[in-house]
């Protein structure tokens, strides 16, 4: 069964409503340039309201490893998502510090999947997002046919512009390493505030489908 990650949560009350829809992961962005930044001193209830069965994911972009480690401890994060240009050595240092890692890569037609080999031992999962100059949260899709060029066993999340109307397209993906989908801006009322009803409908349709 596919995993569902809801990313870009910023409000404690909204976080509780989203958690009630039953996602597998919920993402919190610790990158000041993002419209969905949790802030320099986020409300601790943003994280404490999340049930134990949902993995709290901290999203970072080219952040100092010490800051990431401290943030994980301060807010009880379960896994970190690295969404910048972090090197394999950078990922290894965090792995050796005991952190679990999702490494994001931005897709374009020229993307060379061979570069992922050096990341395989340092990450739990990969995440494939749309290439944009501004990073994630663009609401734009990349050409999912690119995934045919990914021949590794490391499980991956699919991200980038996934919306409520993409259920059938998701069902058609038969890649052996396809782990789950990451949803964000197409399920929002405003940046950082999710429409929990749309999230709930999406999760039910995905989870109840024979994928």
N, C-alpha and C. Protein backbone atom coordinates (compact mmCIF):
# COMPACT_ATOMS: atom_id res chain seq x y z
N UNK A 1 0.84 -1.20 0.00
CA UNK A 1 0.00 0.00 0.00
C UNK A 1 0.88 1.25 0.00
N UNK A 2 0.54 2.21 -0.82
CA UNK A 2 1.34 3.42 -0.92
C UNK A 2 1.31 4.24 0.36
N UNK A 3 2.45 4.86 0.66
CA UNK A 3 2.55 5.78 1.77
C UNK A 3 2.14 7.18 1.31
N UNK A 4 1.57 7.95 2.23
CA UNK A 4 1.16 9.32 1.93
C UNK A 4 1.91 10.27 2.86
N UNK A 5 2.57 11.25 2.28
CA UNK A 5 3.24 12.29 3.05
C UNK A 5 2.59 13.62 2.74
N UNK A 6 2.13 14.31 3.77
CA UNK A 6 1.54 15.65 3.62
C UNK A 6 2.57 16.65 4.12
N UNK A 7 3.03 17.52 3.25
CA UNK A 7 4.14 18.40 3.59
C UNK A 7 3.70 19.86 3.66
N UNK A 8 4.46 20.66 4.43
CA UNK A 8 4.22 22.10 4.50
C UNK A 8 3.18 22.50 5.52
N UNK A 9 3.16 21.83 6.66
CA UNK A 9 2.21 22.13 7.74
C UNK A 9 2.78 23.23 8.62
N UNK A 10 1.97 24.23 8.95
CA UNK A 10 2.48 25.36 9.75
C UNK A 10 1.63 25.72 10.96
N UNK A 11 0.42 25.20 11.05
CA UNK A 11 -0.51 25.62 12.11
C UNK A 11 -0.91 24.42 12.97
N UNK A 12 -0.84 24.53 14.31
CA UNK A 12 -1.16 23.40 15.18
C UNK A 12 -2.57 22.85 15.02
N UNK A 13 -3.56 23.73 14.91
CA UNK A 13 -4.94 23.26 14.75
C UNK A 13 -5.10 22.54 13.42
N UNK A 14 -4.57 23.12 12.36
CA UNK A 14 -4.62 22.48 11.05
C UNK A 14 -3.85 21.16 11.05
N UNK A 15 -2.74 21.12 11.80
CA UNK A 15 -1.95 19.90 11.90
C UNK A 15 -2.78 18.77 12.51
N UNK A 16 -3.57 19.08 13.53
CA UNK A 16 -4.42 18.07 14.16
C UNK A 16 -5.46 17.53 13.18
N UNK A 17 -6.03 18.43 12.39
CA UNK A 17 -7.04 18.01 11.41
C UNK A 17 -6.43 17.14 10.32
N UNK A 18 -5.24 17.52 9.87
CA UNK A 18 -4.57 16.72 8.85
C UNK A 18 -4.17 15.36 9.42
N UNK A 19 -3.68 15.35 10.65
CA UNK A 19 -3.30 14.09 11.29
C UNK A 19 -4.50 13.14 11.38
N UNK A 20 -5.67 13.71 11.55
CA UNK A 20 -6.89 12.91 11.65
C UNK A 20 -7.28 12.21 10.37
N UNK A 21 -6.67 12.61 9.26
CA UNK A 21 -6.97 11.96 7.97
C UNK A 21 -6.13 10.70 7.77
N UNK A 22 -5.13 10.49 8.62
CA UNK A 22 -4.35 9.26 8.57
C UNK A 22 -3.19 9.20 7.60
N UNK A 23 -2.43 10.28 7.39
CA UNK A 23 -1.24 10.17 6.54
C UNK A 23 -0.16 9.36 7.25
N UNK A 24 0.81 8.91 6.50
CA UNK A 24 1.92 8.16 7.07
C UNK A 24 3.04 9.08 7.55
N UNK A 25 3.19 10.22 6.87
CA UNK A 25 4.21 11.21 7.20
C UNK A 25 3.58 12.60 7.15
N UNK A 26 4.06 13.50 8.01
CA UNK A 26 3.69 14.90 7.92
C UNK A 26 4.97 15.73 7.94
N UNK A 27 5.07 16.66 6.99
CA UNK A 27 6.30 17.41 6.82
C UNK A 27 6.22 18.84 7.32
N UNK A 28 7.31 19.28 7.97
CA UNK A 28 7.42 20.63 8.53
C UNK A 28 8.68 21.27 7.97
N UNK A 29 8.54 22.42 7.35
CA UNK A 29 9.64 23.03 6.61
C UNK A 29 10.42 24.01 7.47
N UNK A 30 11.71 23.73 7.64
CA UNK A 30 12.59 24.58 8.44
C UNK A 30 13.54 25.36 7.52
N UNK A 31 12.98 25.93 6.49
CA UNK A 31 13.76 26.70 5.52
C UNK A 31 13.15 28.09 5.40
N UNK A 32 13.84 29.12 5.86
CA UNK A 32 13.25 30.47 5.93
C UNK A 32 12.73 31.01 4.61
N UNK A 33 13.29 30.57 3.48
CA UNK A 33 12.86 31.09 2.20
C UNK A 33 11.52 30.52 1.73
N UNK A 34 11.05 29.48 2.40
CA UNK A 34 9.80 28.84 2.00
C UNK A 34 8.58 29.61 2.50
N UNK A 35 7.53 29.63 1.69
CA UNK A 35 6.26 30.22 2.10
C UNK A 35 5.61 29.40 3.21
N UNK A 36 6.11 28.21 3.43
CA UNK A 36 5.56 27.31 4.43
C UNK A 36 6.54 27.07 5.59
N UNK A 37 7.39 28.04 5.81
CA UNK A 37 8.37 28.00 6.90
C UNK A 37 7.65 27.98 8.24
N UNK A 38 8.07 27.09 9.14
CA UNK A 38 7.42 26.99 10.45
C UNK A 38 7.82 28.14 11.37
N UNK A 39 8.83 28.91 10.98
CA UNK A 39 9.27 30.04 11.79
C UNK A 39 10.51 29.72 12.59
N UNK A 40 11.21 30.75 13.08
CA UNK A 40 12.45 30.53 13.82
C UNK A 40 12.25 29.83 15.16
N UNK A 41 11.09 30.04 15.78
CA UNK A 41 10.76 29.36 17.04
C UNK A 41 9.33 28.83 16.93
N UNK A 42 9.15 27.70 16.26
CA UNK A 42 7.79 27.20 16.04
C UNK A 42 7.10 26.77 17.34
N UNK A 43 5.80 26.85 17.32
CA UNK A 43 4.97 26.41 18.44
C UNK A 43 5.17 24.91 18.63
N UNK A 44 5.56 24.47 19.82
CA UNK A 44 5.83 23.05 20.05
C UNK A 44 4.59 22.18 19.87
N UNK A 45 3.40 22.78 20.03
CA UNK A 45 2.19 21.98 19.85
C UNK A 45 1.98 21.60 18.38
N UNK A 46 2.69 22.27 17.48
CA UNK A 46 2.63 21.89 16.07
C UNK A 46 3.08 20.45 15.89
N UNK A 47 3.99 20.01 16.75
CA UNK A 47 4.55 18.66 16.66
C UNK A 47 3.94 17.71 17.68
N UNK A 48 3.62 18.22 18.86
CA UNK A 48 3.11 17.35 19.91
C UNK A 48 1.70 16.85 19.62
N UNK A 49 0.98 17.52 18.71
CA UNK A 49 -0.37 17.09 18.35
C UNK A 49 -0.38 15.91 17.39
N UNK A 50 0.79 15.51 16.89
CA UNK A 50 0.87 14.45 15.88
C UNK A 50 0.95 13.09 16.57
N UNK A 51 0.04 12.17 16.28
CA UNK A 51 0.08 10.84 16.89
C UNK A 51 1.37 10.10 16.56
N UNK A 52 1.76 9.17 17.41
CA UNK A 52 3.01 8.43 17.24
C UNK A 52 3.09 7.66 15.93
N UNK A 53 1.97 7.24 15.41
CA UNK A 53 1.98 6.44 14.18
C UNK A 53 2.30 7.23 12.92
N UNK A 54 2.33 8.55 13.02
CA UNK A 54 2.64 9.41 11.87
C UNK A 54 4.06 9.94 12.05
N UNK A 55 4.91 9.74 11.05
CA UNK A 55 6.30 10.15 11.17
C UNK A 55 6.45 11.64 10.89
N UNK A 56 6.98 12.36 11.87
CA UNK A 56 7.19 13.80 11.74
C UNK A 56 8.48 14.04 10.96
N UNK A 57 8.36 14.74 9.86
CA UNK A 57 9.47 14.93 8.93
C UNK A 57 9.90 16.39 8.90
N UNK A 58 11.16 16.65 9.21
CA UNK A 58 11.69 18.00 9.12
C UNK A 58 12.36 18.21 7.78
N UNK A 59 11.96 19.25 7.07
CA UNK A 59 12.50 19.53 5.74
C UNK A 59 13.54 20.65 5.85
N UNK A 60 14.75 20.38 5.37
CA UNK A 60 15.85 21.33 5.46
C UNK A 60 16.50 21.52 4.09
N UNK A 61 17.09 22.70 3.87
CA UNK A 61 17.76 23.00 2.61
C UNK A 61 19.16 23.53 2.90
N UNK A 62 20.16 22.71 2.63
CA UNK A 62 21.57 23.12 2.79
C UNK A 62 21.84 23.71 4.18
N UNK A 63 21.24 23.12 5.19
CA UNK A 63 21.38 23.61 6.56
C UNK A 63 22.63 23.00 7.21
N UNK A 64 23.16 23.68 8.22
CA UNK A 64 24.30 23.15 8.96
C UNK A 64 23.87 21.87 9.68
N UNK A 65 24.66 20.79 9.58
CA UNK A 65 24.26 19.52 10.21
C UNK A 65 23.97 19.64 11.70
N UNK A 66 24.73 20.47 12.41
CA UNK A 66 24.49 20.63 13.84
C UNK A 66 23.13 21.22 14.13
N UNK A 67 22.68 22.14 13.30
CA UNK A 67 21.36 22.74 13.48
C UNK A 67 20.27 21.70 13.23
N UNK A 68 20.48 20.86 12.23
CA UNK A 68 19.49 19.81 11.93
C UNK A 68 19.39 18.85 13.11
N UNK A 69 20.51 18.41 13.61
CA UNK A 69 20.51 17.47 14.74
C UNK A 69 19.82 18.07 15.96
N UNK A 70 20.10 19.33 16.25
CA UNK A 70 19.48 20.01 17.40
C UNK A 70 17.97 20.15 17.19
N UNK A 71 17.56 20.47 15.97
CA UNK A 71 16.14 20.64 15.68
C UNK A 71 15.38 19.33 15.84
N UNK A 72 15.99 18.25 15.39
CA UNK A 72 15.38 16.93 15.54
C UNK A 72 15.13 16.62 17.01
N UNK A 73 16.11 16.92 17.85
CA UNK A 73 15.97 16.66 19.28
C UNK A 73 14.96 17.60 19.93
N UNK A 74 14.99 18.87 19.55
CA UNK A 74 14.10 19.86 20.16
C UNK A 74 12.62 19.56 19.90
N UNK A 75 12.31 19.07 18.70
CA UNK A 75 10.91 18.91 18.31
C UNK A 75 10.48 17.46 18.10
N UNK A 76 11.36 16.53 18.44
CA UNK A 76 10.99 15.12 18.36
C UNK A 76 10.70 14.64 16.96
N UNK A 77 11.49 15.10 16.00
CA UNK A 77 11.29 14.68 14.61
C UNK A 77 11.74 13.24 14.42
N UNK A 78 11.07 12.53 13.52
CA UNK A 78 11.37 11.13 13.28
C UNK A 78 12.32 10.92 12.10
N UNK A 79 12.30 11.83 11.16
CA UNK A 79 13.09 11.68 9.94
C UNK A 79 13.30 13.06 9.34
N UNK A 80 14.40 13.25 8.61
CA UNK A 80 14.65 14.54 7.97
C UNK A 80 14.65 14.38 6.46
N UNK A 81 14.16 15.40 5.80
CA UNK A 81 14.17 15.45 4.33
C UNK A 81 15.15 16.56 3.91
N UNK A 82 16.13 16.19 3.13
CA UNK A 82 17.14 17.13 2.66
C UNK A 82 16.78 17.55 1.24
N UNK A 83 16.47 18.83 1.08
CA UNK A 83 15.89 19.28 -0.19
C UNK A 83 16.81 20.24 -0.94
N UNK A 84 18.10 20.22 -0.60
CA UNK A 84 19.04 21.11 -1.26
C UNK A 84 20.07 20.36 -2.07
N UNK A 85 21.31 20.86 -2.03
CA UNK A 85 22.40 20.25 -2.79
C UNK A 85 23.34 19.46 -1.87
N UNK A 86 22.78 18.82 -0.88
CA UNK A 86 23.58 18.10 0.10
C UNK A 86 24.35 16.94 -0.56
N UNK A 87 25.61 16.81 -0.20
CA UNK A 87 26.48 15.79 -0.78
C UNK A 87 26.28 14.44 -0.09
N UNK A 88 26.78 13.36 -0.69
CA UNK A 88 26.72 12.05 -0.01
C UNK A 88 27.43 12.09 1.35
N UNK A 89 28.57 12.80 1.43
CA UNK A 89 29.28 12.90 2.69
C UNK A 89 28.48 13.62 3.76
N UNK A 90 27.76 14.65 3.35
CA UNK A 90 26.88 15.40 4.25
C UNK A 90 25.80 14.46 4.80
N UNK A 91 25.19 13.70 3.91
CA UNK A 91 24.15 12.76 4.34
C UNK A 91 24.73 11.70 5.27
N UNK A 92 25.94 11.26 4.97
CA UNK A 92 26.58 10.24 5.80
C UNK A 92 26.81 10.75 7.22
N UNK A 93 27.21 12.01 7.34
CA UNK A 93 27.47 12.57 8.67
C UNK A 93 26.20 12.60 9.51
N UNK A 94 25.07 12.90 8.89
CA UNK A 94 23.80 12.89 9.62
C UNK A 94 23.37 11.46 9.95
N UNK A 95 23.61 10.56 9.02
CA UNK A 95 23.27 9.15 9.27
C UNK A 95 24.08 8.62 10.45
N UNK A 96 25.36 8.98 10.51
CA UNK A 96 26.22 8.52 11.60
C UNK A 96 25.81 9.14 12.93
N UNK A 97 25.09 10.28 12.86
CA UNK A 97 24.58 10.91 14.08
C UNK A 97 23.26 10.30 14.52
N UNK A 98 22.79 9.29 13.77
CA UNK A 98 21.59 8.57 14.15
C UNK A 98 20.31 9.03 13.48
N UNK A 99 20.42 9.93 12.50
CA UNK A 99 19.23 10.45 11.84
C UNK A 99 18.84 9.58 10.63
N UNK A 100 17.55 9.52 10.38
CA UNK A 100 17.04 8.87 9.18
C UNK A 100 16.78 9.95 8.12
N UNK A 101 17.07 9.62 6.87
CA UNK A 101 17.11 10.66 5.84
C UNK A 101 16.29 10.29 4.61
N UNK A 102 15.51 11.28 4.15
CA UNK A 102 14.91 11.25 2.81
C UNK A 102 15.69 12.28 1.99
N UNK A 103 16.32 11.88 0.92
CA UNK A 103 17.06 12.84 0.09
C UNK A 103 16.24 13.17 -1.15
N UNK A 104 15.97 14.45 -1.32
CA UNK A 104 15.17 14.91 -2.46
C UNK A 104 16.08 15.29 -3.63
N UNK A 105 15.58 15.01 -4.82
CA UNK A 105 16.26 15.39 -6.05
C UNK A 105 15.24 16.03 -6.98
N UNK A 106 15.67 17.08 -7.66
CA UNK A 106 14.77 17.80 -8.56
C UNK A 106 14.94 17.29 -9.98
N UNK A 107 13.83 16.87 -10.57
CA UNK A 107 13.84 16.19 -11.85
C UNK A 107 13.75 17.15 -13.04
N UNK A 108 14.53 16.87 -14.06
CA UNK A 108 14.36 17.48 -15.38
C UNK A 108 14.72 16.42 -16.41
N UNK A 109 14.46 16.65 -17.68
CA UNK A 109 14.70 15.61 -18.69
C UNK A 109 16.15 15.12 -18.75
N UNK A 110 17.10 15.94 -18.29
CA UNK A 110 18.50 15.57 -18.37
C UNK A 110 19.03 14.94 -17.09
N UNK A 111 18.16 14.72 -16.11
CA UNK A 111 18.64 14.21 -14.83
C UNK A 111 19.34 12.86 -15.00
N UNK A 112 20.50 12.75 -14.37
CA UNK A 112 21.31 11.52 -14.45
C UNK A 112 21.12 10.70 -13.18
N UNK A 113 20.37 9.63 -13.27
CA UNK A 113 20.06 8.81 -12.10
C UNK A 113 21.29 8.09 -11.55
N UNK A 114 22.38 8.03 -12.31
CA UNK A 114 23.57 7.35 -11.82
C UNK A 114 24.18 8.05 -10.60
N UNK A 115 23.92 9.34 -10.45
CA UNK A 115 24.48 10.05 -9.30
C UNK A 115 23.89 9.56 -7.98
N UNK A 116 22.77 8.86 -8.05
CA UNK A 116 22.11 8.41 -6.84
C UNK A 116 22.84 7.24 -6.17
N UNK A 117 23.71 6.57 -6.91
CA UNK A 117 24.41 5.41 -6.36
C UNK A 117 25.20 5.78 -5.10
N UNK A 118 25.80 6.95 -5.10
CA UNK A 118 26.63 7.35 -3.96
C UNK A 118 25.80 7.78 -2.75
N UNK A 119 24.48 7.89 -2.92
CA UNK A 119 23.60 8.27 -1.82
C UNK A 119 22.88 7.06 -1.21
N UNK A 120 22.92 5.93 -1.87
CA UNK A 120 22.06 4.82 -1.47
C UNK A 120 22.33 4.32 -0.06
N UNK A 121 23.59 4.30 0.36
CA UNK A 121 23.92 3.77 1.68
C UNK A 121 23.66 4.77 2.80
N UNK A 122 23.39 6.03 2.45
CA UNK A 122 23.25 7.07 3.48
C UNK A 122 21.82 7.52 3.68
N UNK A 123 20.89 7.04 2.88
CA UNK A 123 19.50 7.52 2.93
C UNK A 123 18.53 6.36 3.08
N UNK A 124 17.42 6.64 3.74
CA UNK A 124 16.35 5.64 3.83
C UNK A 124 15.57 5.59 2.53
N UNK A 125 15.26 6.80 2.01
CA UNK A 125 14.44 6.92 0.81
C UNK A 125 14.92 8.09 -0.04
N UNK A 126 14.53 8.07 -1.31
CA UNK A 126 14.69 9.22 -2.19
C UNK A 126 13.32 9.88 -2.37
N UNK A 127 13.35 11.13 -2.79
CA UNK A 127 12.12 11.84 -3.15
C UNK A 127 12.40 12.59 -4.45
N UNK A 128 11.54 12.41 -5.44
CA UNK A 128 11.72 13.04 -6.73
C UNK A 128 10.69 14.15 -6.91
N UNK A 129 11.20 15.38 -7.02
CA UNK A 129 10.37 16.57 -7.10
C UNK A 129 10.62 17.27 -8.43
N UNK A 130 9.80 18.26 -8.73
CA UNK A 130 9.93 19.03 -9.96
C UNK A 130 11.07 20.03 -9.85
N UNK A 131 11.87 20.14 -10.90
CA UNK A 131 12.95 21.12 -10.91
C UNK A 131 12.38 22.52 -11.11
N UNK A 132 12.63 23.40 -10.16
CA UNK A 132 12.32 24.82 -10.30
C UNK A 132 13.44 25.59 -9.62
N UNK A 133 13.62 26.83 -10.00
CA UNK A 133 14.66 27.65 -9.40
C UNK A 133 14.37 27.94 -7.93
N UNK A 134 13.09 27.94 -7.56
CA UNK A 134 12.70 28.28 -6.19
C UNK A 134 12.66 27.08 -5.26
N UNK A 135 12.92 25.87 -5.78
CA UNK A 135 12.86 24.68 -4.93
C UNK A 135 11.49 24.03 -4.96
N UNK A 136 11.04 23.45 -3.83
CA UNK A 136 9.78 22.73 -3.78
C UNK A 136 8.58 23.64 -3.58
N UNK A 137 7.39 23.02 -3.55
CA UNK A 137 6.16 23.75 -3.32
C UNK A 137 5.69 24.58 -4.49
N UNK A 138 6.14 24.24 -5.69
CA UNK A 138 5.78 25.03 -6.88
C UNK A 138 4.40 24.70 -7.42
N UNK A 139 3.88 23.52 -7.08
CA UNK A 139 2.61 23.09 -7.65
C UNK A 139 2.74 22.58 -9.07
N UNK A 140 3.97 22.37 -9.54
CA UNK A 140 4.21 21.93 -10.92
C UNK A 140 4.66 20.48 -10.95
N UNK A 141 4.24 19.76 -11.97
CA UNK A 141 4.65 18.37 -12.18
C UNK A 141 5.85 18.30 -13.11
N UNK A 142 6.62 17.22 -12.95
CA UNK A 142 7.59 16.87 -13.97
C UNK A 142 7.04 15.69 -14.76
N UNK A 143 7.71 15.34 -15.84
CA UNK A 143 7.25 14.23 -16.69
C UNK A 143 7.54 12.91 -15.96
N UNK A 144 6.49 12.25 -15.49
CA UNK A 144 6.68 11.03 -14.70
C UNK A 144 7.29 9.89 -15.51
N UNK A 145 7.34 10.01 -16.82
CA UNK A 145 7.98 8.97 -17.64
C UNK A 145 9.47 8.88 -17.36
N UNK A 146 10.04 9.98 -16.79
CA UNK A 146 11.45 9.97 -16.42
C UNK A 146 11.75 8.84 -15.43
N UNK A 147 10.75 8.48 -14.63
CA UNK A 147 10.96 7.44 -13.62
C UNK A 147 11.34 6.10 -14.23
N UNK A 148 11.06 5.89 -15.50
CA UNK A 148 11.45 4.65 -16.16
C UNK A 148 12.97 4.50 -16.20
N UNK A 149 13.69 5.61 -16.06
CA UNK A 149 15.15 5.58 -16.09
C UNK A 149 15.76 5.29 -14.72
N UNK A 150 14.92 5.22 -13.70
CA UNK A 150 15.40 4.92 -12.35
C UNK A 150 15.38 3.41 -12.16
N UNK A 151 16.56 2.81 -12.04
CA UNK A 151 16.67 1.35 -12.02
C UNK A 151 17.20 0.83 -10.68
N UNK A 152 17.13 1.65 -9.64
CA UNK A 152 17.65 1.26 -8.34
C UNK A 152 16.54 0.71 -7.44
N UNK A 153 16.96 0.02 -6.39
CA UNK A 153 16.00 -0.59 -5.46
C UNK A 153 15.58 0.35 -4.33
N UNK A 154 16.32 1.43 -4.14
CA UNK A 154 15.99 2.35 -3.04
C UNK A 154 14.58 2.92 -3.24
N UNK A 155 13.68 2.75 -2.28
CA UNK A 155 12.31 3.25 -2.43
C UNK A 155 12.27 4.76 -2.58
N UNK A 156 11.30 5.25 -3.33
CA UNK A 156 11.20 6.69 -3.53
C UNK A 156 9.77 7.21 -3.36
N UNK A 157 9.70 8.47 -2.95
CA UNK A 157 8.44 9.23 -2.94
C UNK A 157 8.36 10.04 -4.23
N UNK A 158 7.16 10.16 -4.75
CA UNK A 158 6.89 11.02 -5.90
C UNK A 158 6.29 12.32 -5.39
N UNK A 159 6.84 13.44 -5.83
CA UNK A 159 6.39 14.75 -5.39
C UNK A 159 6.28 15.68 -6.59
N UNK A 160 5.74 16.87 -6.34
CA UNK A 160 5.68 17.88 -7.39
C UNK A 160 4.32 18.02 -8.04
N UNK A 161 3.50 18.91 -7.52
CA UNK A 161 2.24 19.25 -8.18
C UNK A 161 1.17 18.19 -8.15
N UNK A 162 1.27 17.22 -7.25
CA UNK A 162 0.24 16.17 -7.16
C UNK A 162 -1.01 16.77 -6.55
N UNK A 163 -2.14 16.54 -7.22
CA UNK A 163 -3.40 17.11 -6.77
C UNK A 163 -4.50 16.07 -6.62
N UNK A 164 -5.68 16.50 -6.18
CA UNK A 164 -6.80 15.57 -5.97
C UNK A 164 -7.21 14.81 -7.22
N UNK A 165 -6.93 15.36 -8.39
CA UNK A 165 -7.34 14.69 -9.63
C UNK A 165 -6.34 13.71 -10.21
N UNK A 166 -5.29 13.40 -9.45
CA UNK A 166 -4.22 12.56 -10.00
C UNK A 166 -4.27 11.10 -9.57
N UNK A 167 -5.36 10.69 -8.96
CA UNK A 167 -5.46 9.32 -8.46
C UNK A 167 -5.21 8.29 -9.56
N UNK A 168 -5.87 8.44 -10.69
CA UNK A 168 -5.74 7.45 -11.76
C UNK A 168 -4.31 7.39 -12.29
N UNK A 169 -3.67 8.54 -12.46
CA UNK A 169 -2.29 8.56 -12.94
C UNK A 169 -1.35 7.89 -11.94
N UNK A 170 -1.61 8.09 -10.67
CA UNK A 170 -0.80 7.44 -9.65
C UNK A 170 -0.99 5.93 -9.70
N UNK A 171 -2.21 5.49 -9.91
CA UNK A 171 -2.50 4.06 -9.98
C UNK A 171 -1.78 3.39 -11.16
N UNK A 172 -1.49 4.17 -12.17
CA UNK A 172 -0.85 3.62 -13.38
C UNK A 172 0.66 3.45 -13.23
N UNK A 173 1.24 4.00 -12.15
CA UNK A 173 2.68 3.87 -11.92
C UNK A 173 2.95 2.49 -11.33
N UNK A 174 3.76 1.70 -12.02
CA UNK A 174 4.04 0.33 -11.59
C UNK A 174 5.51 0.11 -11.26
N UNK A 175 6.22 1.17 -10.99
CA UNK A 175 7.65 1.04 -10.71
C UNK A 175 7.87 0.23 -9.44
N UNK A 176 8.83 -0.69 -9.47
CA UNK A 176 9.05 -1.61 -8.35
C UNK A 176 9.56 -0.91 -7.09
N UNK A 177 10.08 0.33 -7.22
CA UNK A 177 10.60 1.05 -6.05
C UNK A 177 9.69 2.19 -5.60
N UNK A 178 8.51 2.27 -6.16
CA UNK A 178 7.58 3.35 -5.84
C UNK A 178 7.00 3.14 -4.45
N UNK A 179 7.37 4.03 -3.52
CA UNK A 179 6.95 3.89 -2.12
C UNK A 179 5.70 4.68 -1.79
N UNK A 180 5.62 5.93 -2.28
CA UNK A 180 4.50 6.76 -1.89
C UNK A 180 4.52 8.11 -2.58
N UNK A 181 3.56 8.95 -2.20
CA UNK A 181 3.43 10.28 -2.79
C UNK A 181 3.52 11.35 -1.71
N UNK A 182 4.04 12.48 -2.12
CA UNK A 182 4.20 13.63 -1.24
C UNK A 182 3.28 14.74 -1.77
N UNK A 183 2.31 15.17 -0.97
CA UNK A 183 1.37 16.19 -1.42
C UNK A 183 1.56 17.47 -0.61
N UNK A 184 1.26 18.60 -1.27
CA UNK A 184 1.51 19.87 -0.61
C UNK A 184 0.58 20.95 -1.15
N UNK A 185 1.06 21.77 -2.07
CA UNK A 185 0.38 23.02 -2.43
C UNK A 185 -0.98 22.84 -3.08
N UNK A 186 -1.20 21.73 -3.77
CA UNK A 186 -2.48 21.53 -4.46
C UNK A 186 -3.60 21.13 -3.51
N UNK A 187 -3.28 21.02 -2.22
CA UNK A 187 -4.29 20.68 -1.21
C UNK A 187 -4.44 21.81 -0.19
N UNK A 188 -4.08 23.02 -0.58
CA UNK A 188 -4.05 24.11 0.38
C UNK A 188 -5.19 25.11 0.23
N UNK A 189 -5.56 25.67 1.38
CA UNK A 189 -6.45 26.82 1.43
C UNK A 189 -5.61 28.09 1.25
N UNK A 190 -4.44 28.09 1.87
CA UNK A 190 -3.44 29.14 1.74
C UNK A 190 -2.10 28.50 2.07
N UNK A 191 -0.96 29.12 1.74
CA UNK A 191 0.33 28.48 2.00
C UNK A 191 0.49 28.04 3.46
N UNK A 192 0.70 26.74 3.63
CA UNK A 192 0.89 26.18 4.97
C UNK A 192 -0.37 25.70 5.65
N UNK A 193 -1.54 26.00 5.08
CA UNK A 193 -2.82 25.57 5.66
C UNK A 193 -3.50 24.63 4.67
N UNK A 194 -3.65 23.37 5.07
CA UNK A 194 -4.21 22.36 4.19
C UNK A 194 -5.73 22.29 4.33
N UNK A 195 -6.37 21.95 3.22
CA UNK A 195 -7.80 21.63 3.23
C UNK A 195 -7.89 20.16 3.65
N UNK A 196 -8.15 19.93 4.93
CA UNK A 196 -8.08 18.56 5.44
C UNK A 196 -9.13 17.65 4.81
N UNK A 197 -10.22 18.23 4.30
CA UNK A 197 -11.23 17.41 3.64
C UNK A 197 -10.70 16.85 2.33
N UNK A 198 -10.00 17.69 1.59
CA UNK A 198 -9.39 17.21 0.34
C UNK A 198 -8.32 16.16 0.62
N UNK A 199 -7.54 16.40 1.67
CA UNK A 199 -6.52 15.43 2.05
C UNK A 199 -7.17 14.11 2.43
N UNK A 200 -8.24 14.17 3.21
CA UNK A 200 -8.94 12.97 3.65
C UNK A 200 -9.49 12.19 2.47
N UNK A 201 -10.13 12.87 1.53
CA UNK A 201 -10.67 12.19 0.35
C UNK A 201 -9.57 11.52 -0.45
N UNK A 202 -8.45 12.24 -0.62
CA UNK A 202 -7.34 11.71 -1.40
C UNK A 202 -6.77 10.45 -0.76
N UNK A 203 -6.54 10.51 0.55
CA UNK A 203 -5.96 9.37 1.24
C UNK A 203 -6.88 8.16 1.17
N UNK A 204 -8.16 8.38 1.36
CA UNK A 204 -9.11 7.26 1.29
C UNK A 204 -9.11 6.62 -0.08
N UNK A 205 -9.09 7.44 -1.13
CA UNK A 205 -9.08 6.90 -2.48
C UNK A 205 -7.81 6.14 -2.80
N UNK A 206 -6.67 6.66 -2.33
CA UNK A 206 -5.39 5.98 -2.58
C UNK A 206 -5.31 4.70 -1.78
N UNK A 207 -5.64 4.76 -0.51
CA UNK A 207 -5.50 3.59 0.36
C UNK A 207 -6.49 2.48 0.01
N UNK A 208 -7.64 2.87 -0.53
CA UNK A 208 -8.64 1.87 -0.85
C UNK A 208 -8.52 1.35 -2.27
N UNK A 209 -7.52 1.85 -3.00
CA UNK A 209 -7.31 1.43 -4.37
C UNK A 209 -6.31 0.28 -4.39
N UNK A 210 -6.46 -0.60 -5.33
CA UNK A 210 -5.52 -1.69 -5.49
C UNK A 210 -4.41 -1.19 -6.40
N UNK A 211 -3.35 -0.68 -5.78
CA UNK A 211 -2.24 -0.11 -6.55
C UNK A 211 -1.15 -1.15 -6.81
